[in-house]
Amino acid sequence: MLSLGLIGLHIAHSRAPALISLLGELSGLPVTYRLYEPDDASPDAFARTLQSVRAQGLVGCNVTYPFKQIALRHVQVIPPSVATLGAVNTLHFQNANISATNTDYSGFIRGFQARFPNQAAGSVVMLGAGGVGRAVGFGLQAIGAQEVAIYDVNTVMADDLVQALTMTGLTARRLSAEEVQFAAHQADGLINCTPIGHDKTPGNPLPPECFVGQRWVFDAVYVPLDTDFLLMAAAHGSHVMSGFDLFLYQGLDAFTVWTGVTIDPSIARRAFQTQYSLHSAFIS
């Protein structure tokens, strides 16, 4: 039995166990995937939970909010590109060492290329500079972004991500709240990497006047599947990539890290939609 798990806060309704269990069924591997919620958001609470899951013999685990950057402190083996990114979401326990990667990064790239084949990202406005925002921000360079303008209420995090992206050669700048609407009107793509729109934090991170038929739009939120952000974008004629695409591809990539098994994304998508009766125009 392959034991895996997820460390994070507010994860009781995560669909990750369902996806990883399904991938185990599709590959013929017996898999268990459990949820581990630390006592609080502190580095010490994360360290205690990580020590506990390792003691239980897990092969690896995912890491989600708010520990994607904290987890980096516990890793011994990490690709230079992921170290530069500064956040991880997939840990692999190998003897005494922990290796790490970021399948949010690879999953975003694969999802974009599948949803928008042969298209470059162009100019982008991105909301959110946290763990998933960092992964998506670095992924933008790989899909042909010319520039990215970033807004986050936490200006320190936004400035840090702008600096990190600029060092890779991507043109990046931080937006003030007053600049977001004008920047959105000029952008080819809009991205939401904030929690706004999730079932627990409903709403739309942008006012309606920001949506003017941008060429493409992506929302990292996938619960619900049809967020206000995506519905507004689609109503204005934008092509959309839902958070389900990121969820699917990051899970596929993590499963490969842990098992060495590669599964056809179209087979996994159809099986997951059928098994869990998912209905959305944005995930077919």
Protein backbone atom coordinates (compact mmCIF):
# COMPACT_ATOMS: atom_id res chain seq x y z
CA MET A 1 0.00 0.00 0.00
CA LEU A 2 1.35 3.40 -1.06
CA SER A 3 0.68 5.90 1.74
CA LEU A 4 0.40 9.57 0.74
CA GLY A 5 -1.19 12.68 2.19
CA LEU A 6 -1.83 16.42 2.23
CA ILE A 7 -0.65 18.94 4.84
CA GLY A 8 -2.54 22.22 5.10
CA LEU A 9 -5.20 24.23 6.88
CA HIS A 10 -8.93 24.14 6.08
CA ILE A 11 -8.55 21.03 3.91
CA ALA A 12 -11.51 18.96 5.13
CA HIS A 13 -13.30 19.33 1.80
CA SER A 14 -10.24 18.90 -0.44
CA ARG A 15 -10.77 16.83 -3.57
CA ALA A 16 -7.11 15.74 -3.55
CA PRO A 17 -7.83 12.38 -1.84
CA ALA A 18 -10.42 11.59 -4.50
CA LEU A 19 -8.05 12.44 -7.36
CA ILE A 20 -5.01 10.57 -6.04
CA SER A 21 -7.11 7.54 -5.12
CA LEU A 22 -8.54 7.53 -8.64
CA LEU A 23 -5.07 7.75 -10.17
CA GLY A 24 -4.11 4.76 -8.05
CA GLU A 25 -7.07 2.82 -9.43
CA LEU A 26 -6.23 3.80 -13.02
CA SER A 27 -2.62 2.68 -12.60
CA GLY A 28 -3.40 -0.48 -10.63
CA LEU A 29 -1.55 0.74 -7.53
CA PRO A 30 -3.12 0.47 -4.06
CA VAL A 31 -3.02 3.99 -2.62
CA THR A 32 -4.16 5.71 0.56
CA TYR A 33 -4.22 9.51 0.76
CA ARG A 34 -4.98 11.16 4.10
CA LEU A 35 -5.42 14.74 5.26
CA TYR A 36 -3.16 16.23 7.95
CA GLU A 37 -4.08 19.60 9.43
CA PRO A 38 -1.52 21.27 11.73
CA ASP A 39 -2.70 23.00 14.91
CA ASP A 40 -2.11 26.45 13.44
CA ALA A 41 -0.28 28.30 10.66
CA SER A 42 3.09 28.48 12.44
CA PRO A 43 6.33 26.93 11.17
CA ASP A 44 6.53 24.87 14.38
CA ALA A 45 3.08 23.37 13.82
CA PHE A 46 4.05 22.43 10.27
CA ALA A 47 7.31 20.86 11.47
CA ARG A 48 5.46 18.73 14.02
CA THR A 49 2.99 17.53 11.40
CA LEU A 50 5.73 16.76 8.92
CA GLN A 51 7.61 14.75 11.53
CA SER A 52 4.42 12.83 12.30
CA VAL A 53 3.64 11.90 8.69
CA ARG A 54 7.20 10.73 8.14
CA ALA A 55 6.99 8.58 11.26
CA GLN A 56 3.84 7.00 9.83
CA GLY A 57 5.80 5.80 6.81
CA LEU A 58 4.30 7.97 4.08
CA VAL A 59 6.05 7.91 0.70
CA GLY A 60 5.29 11.58 0.15
CA CYS A 61 2.76 14.34 0.59
CA ASN A 62 1.34 17.47 -0.93
CA VAL A 63 1.60 20.79 0.87
CA THR A 64 -1.00 23.53 0.59
CA TYR A 65 -1.96 26.84 2.20
CA PRO A 66 -0.27 28.35 4.14
CA PHE A 67 2.83 26.12 4.18
CA LYS A 68 4.18 26.10 0.61
CA GLN A 69 7.05 28.43 1.44
CA ILE A 70 7.59 27.14 4.99
CA ALA A 71 8.01 23.59 3.64
CA LEU A 72 11.08 24.66 1.69
CA ARG A 73 13.04 24.91 4.96
CA HIS A 74 12.75 21.14 5.49
CA VAL A 75 13.93 20.02 2.05
CA GLN A 76 17.35 18.53 1.33
CA VAL A 77 16.98 17.84 -2.41
CA ILE A 78 15.41 20.45 -4.65
CA PRO A 79 15.89 21.44 -8.31
CA PRO A 80 17.51 24.88 -8.70
CA SER A 81 14.49 26.16 -10.63
CA VAL A 82 12.16 25.27 -7.75
CA ALA A 83 14.53 26.82 -5.21
CA THR A 84 14.38 30.04 -7.22
CA LEU A 85 10.59 29.84 -7.27
CA GLY A 86 10.62 29.78 -3.46
CA ALA A 87 7.62 27.52 -2.83
CA VAL A 88 6.93 23.79 -3.00
CA ASN A 89 3.76 21.73 -2.98
CA THR A 90 5.03 18.16 -3.39
CA LEU A 91 7.39 16.35 -1.01
CA HIS A 92 8.93 12.93 -1.61
CA PHE A 93 10.44 11.08 1.36
CA GLN A 94 13.54 9.13 0.33
CA ASN A 95 15.39 7.48 3.21
CA ALA A 96 16.77 10.31 5.35
CA ASN A 97 16.17 13.02 2.74
CA ILE A 98 13.15 14.99 1.60
CA SER A 99 13.08 15.97 -2.05
CA ALA A 100 10.62 18.54 -3.34
CA THR A 101 9.13 19.98 -6.46
CA ASN A 102 6.32 22.32 -7.38
CA THR A 103 3.63 20.69 -9.48
CA ASP A 104 1.53 23.85 -9.31
CA TYR A 105 4.23 25.28 -11.59
CA SER A 106 4.34 22.35 -14.00
CA GLY A 107 0.58 21.78 -13.74
CA PHE A 108 -0.22 25.37 -14.68
CA ILE A 109 2.04 25.18 -17.74
CA ARG A 110 0.52 21.88 -18.88
CA GLY A 111 -3.01 23.09 -18.22
CA PHE A 112 -2.48 26.30 -20.19
CA GLN A 113 -0.92 24.49 -23.13
CA ALA A 114 -3.76 21.96 -23.21
CA ARG A 115 -6.49 24.59 -22.92
CA PHE A 116 -4.89 27.17 -25.24
CA PRO A 117 -2.68 25.23 -27.68
CA ASN A 118 -0.14 27.23 -29.71
CA GLN A 119 -0.97 30.46 -27.87
CA ALA A 120 1.42 32.73 -26.00
CA ALA A 121 0.27 34.31 -22.74
CA GLY A 122 1.11 37.88 -23.83
CA SER A 123 0.60 40.63 -21.26
CA VAL A 124 -0.95 39.45 -17.99
CA VAL A 125 -2.52 40.90 -14.86
CA MET A 126 -2.30 38.52 -11.90
CA LEU A 127 -4.04 38.87 -8.55
CA GLY A 128 -2.27 37.13 -5.67
CA ALA A 129 1.41 36.64 -4.91
CA GLY A 130 1.25 33.80 -2.39
CA GLY A 131 2.28 30.17 -2.88
CA VAL A 132 0.19 29.39 -5.94
CA GLY A 133 0.77 32.91 -7.30
CA ARG A 134 4.51 32.33 -7.22
CA ALA A 135 4.18 29.03 -9.08
CA VAL A 136 1.89 30.52 -11.72
CA GLY A 137 4.05 33.65 -12.01
CA PHE A 138 7.13 31.61 -12.82
CA GLY A 139 5.08 29.43 -15.14
CA LEU A 140 4.07 32.48 -17.18
CA GLN A 141 7.55 32.82 -18.60
CA ALA A 142 7.40 29.29 -19.98
CA ILE A 143 4.14 30.01 -21.84
CA GLY A 144 5.26 33.17 -23.58
CA ALA A 145 4.27 35.99 -21.26
CA GLN A 146 5.68 39.33 -22.35
CA GLU A 147 4.99 41.05 -19.06
CA VAL A 148 3.09 40.49 -15.84
CA ALA A 149 1.55 43.10 -13.55
CA ILE A 150 0.86 41.79 -10.03
CA TYR A 151 -1.57 42.99 -7.39
CA ASP A 152 -1.70 41.71 -3.82
CA VAL A 153 -2.96 43.39 -0.67
CA ASN A 154 0.33 42.23 0.85
CA THR A 155 2.67 44.61 -0.96
CA VAL A 156 5.76 42.96 0.51
CA MET A 157 4.87 39.61 -1.07
CA ALA A 158 4.00 41.30 -4.35
CA ASP A 159 7.29 43.20 -4.44
CA ASP A 160 9.21 40.02 -3.60
CA LEU A 161 7.58 38.13 -6.48
CA VAL A 162 8.14 41.02 -8.89
CA GLN A 163 11.83 41.07 -7.97
CA ALA A 164 12.15 37.29 -8.34
CA LEU A 165 10.46 37.28 -11.75
CA THR A 166 12.51 40.24 -12.94
CA MET A 167 15.69 38.34 -12.10
CA THR A 168 14.59 35.58 -14.49
CA GLY A 169 14.27 38.10 -17.33
CA LEU A 170 10.49 38.49 -17.28
CA THR A 171 9.19 42.06 -17.26
CA ALA A 172 7.19 42.40 -14.04
CA ARG A 173 5.75 45.20 -11.92
CA ARG A 174 3.52 45.65 -8.89
CA LEU A 175 0.12 47.28 -9.25
CA SER A 176 -1.59 49.51 -6.73
CA ALA A 177 -5.31 48.98 -6.18
CA GLU A 178 -5.99 52.11 -8.23
CA GLU A 179 -4.03 50.78 -11.21
CA VAL A 180 -5.69 47.38 -11.50
CA GLN A 181 -8.65 48.35 -13.72
CA PHE A 182 -6.57 50.21 -16.30
CA ALA A 183 -4.00 47.39 -16.39
CA ALA A 184 -6.76 44.81 -16.81
CA HIS A 185 -8.14 46.70 -19.81
CA GLN A 186 -4.73 46.49 -21.50
CA ALA A 187 -4.04 42.84 -20.68
CA ASP A 188 -4.28 39.76 -22.86
CA GLY A 189 -4.84 37.56 -19.82
CA LEU A 190 -6.26 37.82 -16.31
CA ILE A 191 -5.33 35.48 -13.46
CA ASN A 192 -6.85 35.02 -10.01
CA CYS A 193 -4.50 33.38 -7.52
CA THR A 194 -6.28 34.73 -4.44
CA PRO A 195 -8.74 32.71 -2.32
CA ILE A 196 -11.58 35.06 -3.32
CA GLY A 197 -14.24 33.06 -5.11
CA HIS A 198 -13.80 29.92 -3.02
CA ASP A 199 -16.86 28.52 -1.26
CA LYS A 200 -15.45 29.76 2.05
CA THR A 201 -14.53 33.22 0.68
CA PRO A 202 -17.14 33.88 -2.01
CA GLY A 203 -17.17 36.79 -4.40
CA ASN A 204 -15.21 38.14 -7.33
CA PRO A 205 -11.71 39.60 -6.83
CA LEU A 206 -12.35 42.10 -9.65
CA PRO A 207 -15.27 44.46 -10.25
CA PRO A 208 -17.34 43.87 -13.42
CA GLU A 209 -15.82 46.84 -15.24
CA CYS A 210 -12.44 45.09 -15.33
CA PHE A 211 -13.74 42.40 -17.70
CA VAL A 212 -13.55 43.61 -21.29
CA GLY A 213 -13.15 40.41 -23.28
CA GLN A 214 -9.52 39.64 -22.49
CA ARG A 215 -8.20 36.85 -24.71
CA TRP A 216 -7.86 34.36 -21.85
CA VAL A 217 -8.62 34.12 -18.13
CA PHE A 218 -7.53 31.65 -15.43
CA ASP A 219 -8.85 31.15 -11.91
CA ALA A 220 -6.82 28.98 -9.53
CA VAL A 221 -9.93 28.43 -7.37
CA TYR A 222 -11.68 25.15 -8.20
CA VAL A 223 -14.31 24.89 -5.46
CA PRO A 224 -16.77 25.82 -6.90
CA LEU A 225 -15.91 24.88 -10.47
CA ASP A 226 -17.84 27.85 -11.87
CA THR A 227 -16.48 30.84 -9.98
CA ASP A 228 -17.88 34.34 -10.34
CA PHE A 229 -14.53 35.34 -11.86
CA LEU A 230 -14.81 32.75 -14.65
CA LEU A 231 -18.52 33.34 -15.25
CA MET A 232 -17.96 37.08 -15.65
CA ALA A 233 -15.01 36.52 -17.97
CA ALA A 234 -16.90 34.03 -20.14
CA ALA A 235 -19.89 36.39 -20.33
CA HIS A 236 -17.57 38.99 -21.86
CA GLY A 237 -16.21 36.57 -24.46
CA SER A 238 -12.95 35.47 -22.85
CA HIS A 239 -11.65 31.91 -23.20
CA VAL A 240 -11.23 30.43 -19.74
CA MET A 241 -9.04 27.94 -17.91
CA SER A 242 -10.55 26.76 -14.64
CA GLY A 243 -8.85 25.81 -11.42
CA PHE A 244 -9.83 22.23 -12.18
CA ASP A 245 -7.20 22.17 -14.93
CA LEU A 246 -4.50 23.14 -12.45
CA PHE A 247 -5.90 20.69 -9.88
CA LEU A 248 -5.83 17.85 -12.41
CA TYR A 249 -2.37 18.42 -13.86
CA GLN A 250 -0.64 19.18 -10.55
CA GLY A 251 -2.11 15.92 -9.20
CA LEU A 252 -0.96 13.95 -12.23
CA ASP A 253 2.55 15.38 -11.91
CA ALA A 254 2.70 14.70 -8.16
CA PHE A 255 1.55 11.10 -8.72
CA THR A 256 4.37 10.64 -11.23
CA VAL A 257 6.90 12.02 -8.71
CA TRP A 258 5.79 9.49 -6.10
CA THR A 259 5.27 6.44 -8.32
CA GLY A 260 7.08 6.96 -11.63
CA VAL A 261 3.76 6.27 -13.37
CA THR A 262 2.42 8.60 -16.07
CA ILE A 263 -1.33 8.66 -16.71
CA ASP A 264 -3.09 10.07 -19.77
CA PRO A 265 -4.73 13.37 -18.66
CA SER A 266 -7.80 12.86 -20.87
CA ILE A 267 -8.46 9.45 -19.29
CA ALA A 268 -8.03 10.87 -15.78
CA ARG A 269 -10.28 13.85 -16.56
CA ARG A 270 -13.12 11.74 -17.93
CA ALA A 271 -12.88 9.23 -15.08
CA PHE A 272 -12.94 11.94 -12.41
CA GLN A 273 -15.84 13.80 -14.02
CA THR A 274 -17.85 10.58 -14.33
CA GLN A 275 -17.07 9.21 -10.87
CA TYR A 276 -17.89 12.46 -9.08
CA SER A 277 -20.62 13.74 -11.41
CA LEU A 278 -18.93 17.06 -12.11
CA HIS A 279 -20.85 19.40 -14.37
CA SER A 280 -19.26 22.55 -15.73
CA ALA A 281 -18.75 24.04 -19.16
CA PHE A 282 -15.22 24.97 -18.07
CA ILE A 283 -13.79 21.50 -17.43
CA SER A 284 -14.75 19.45 -20.51
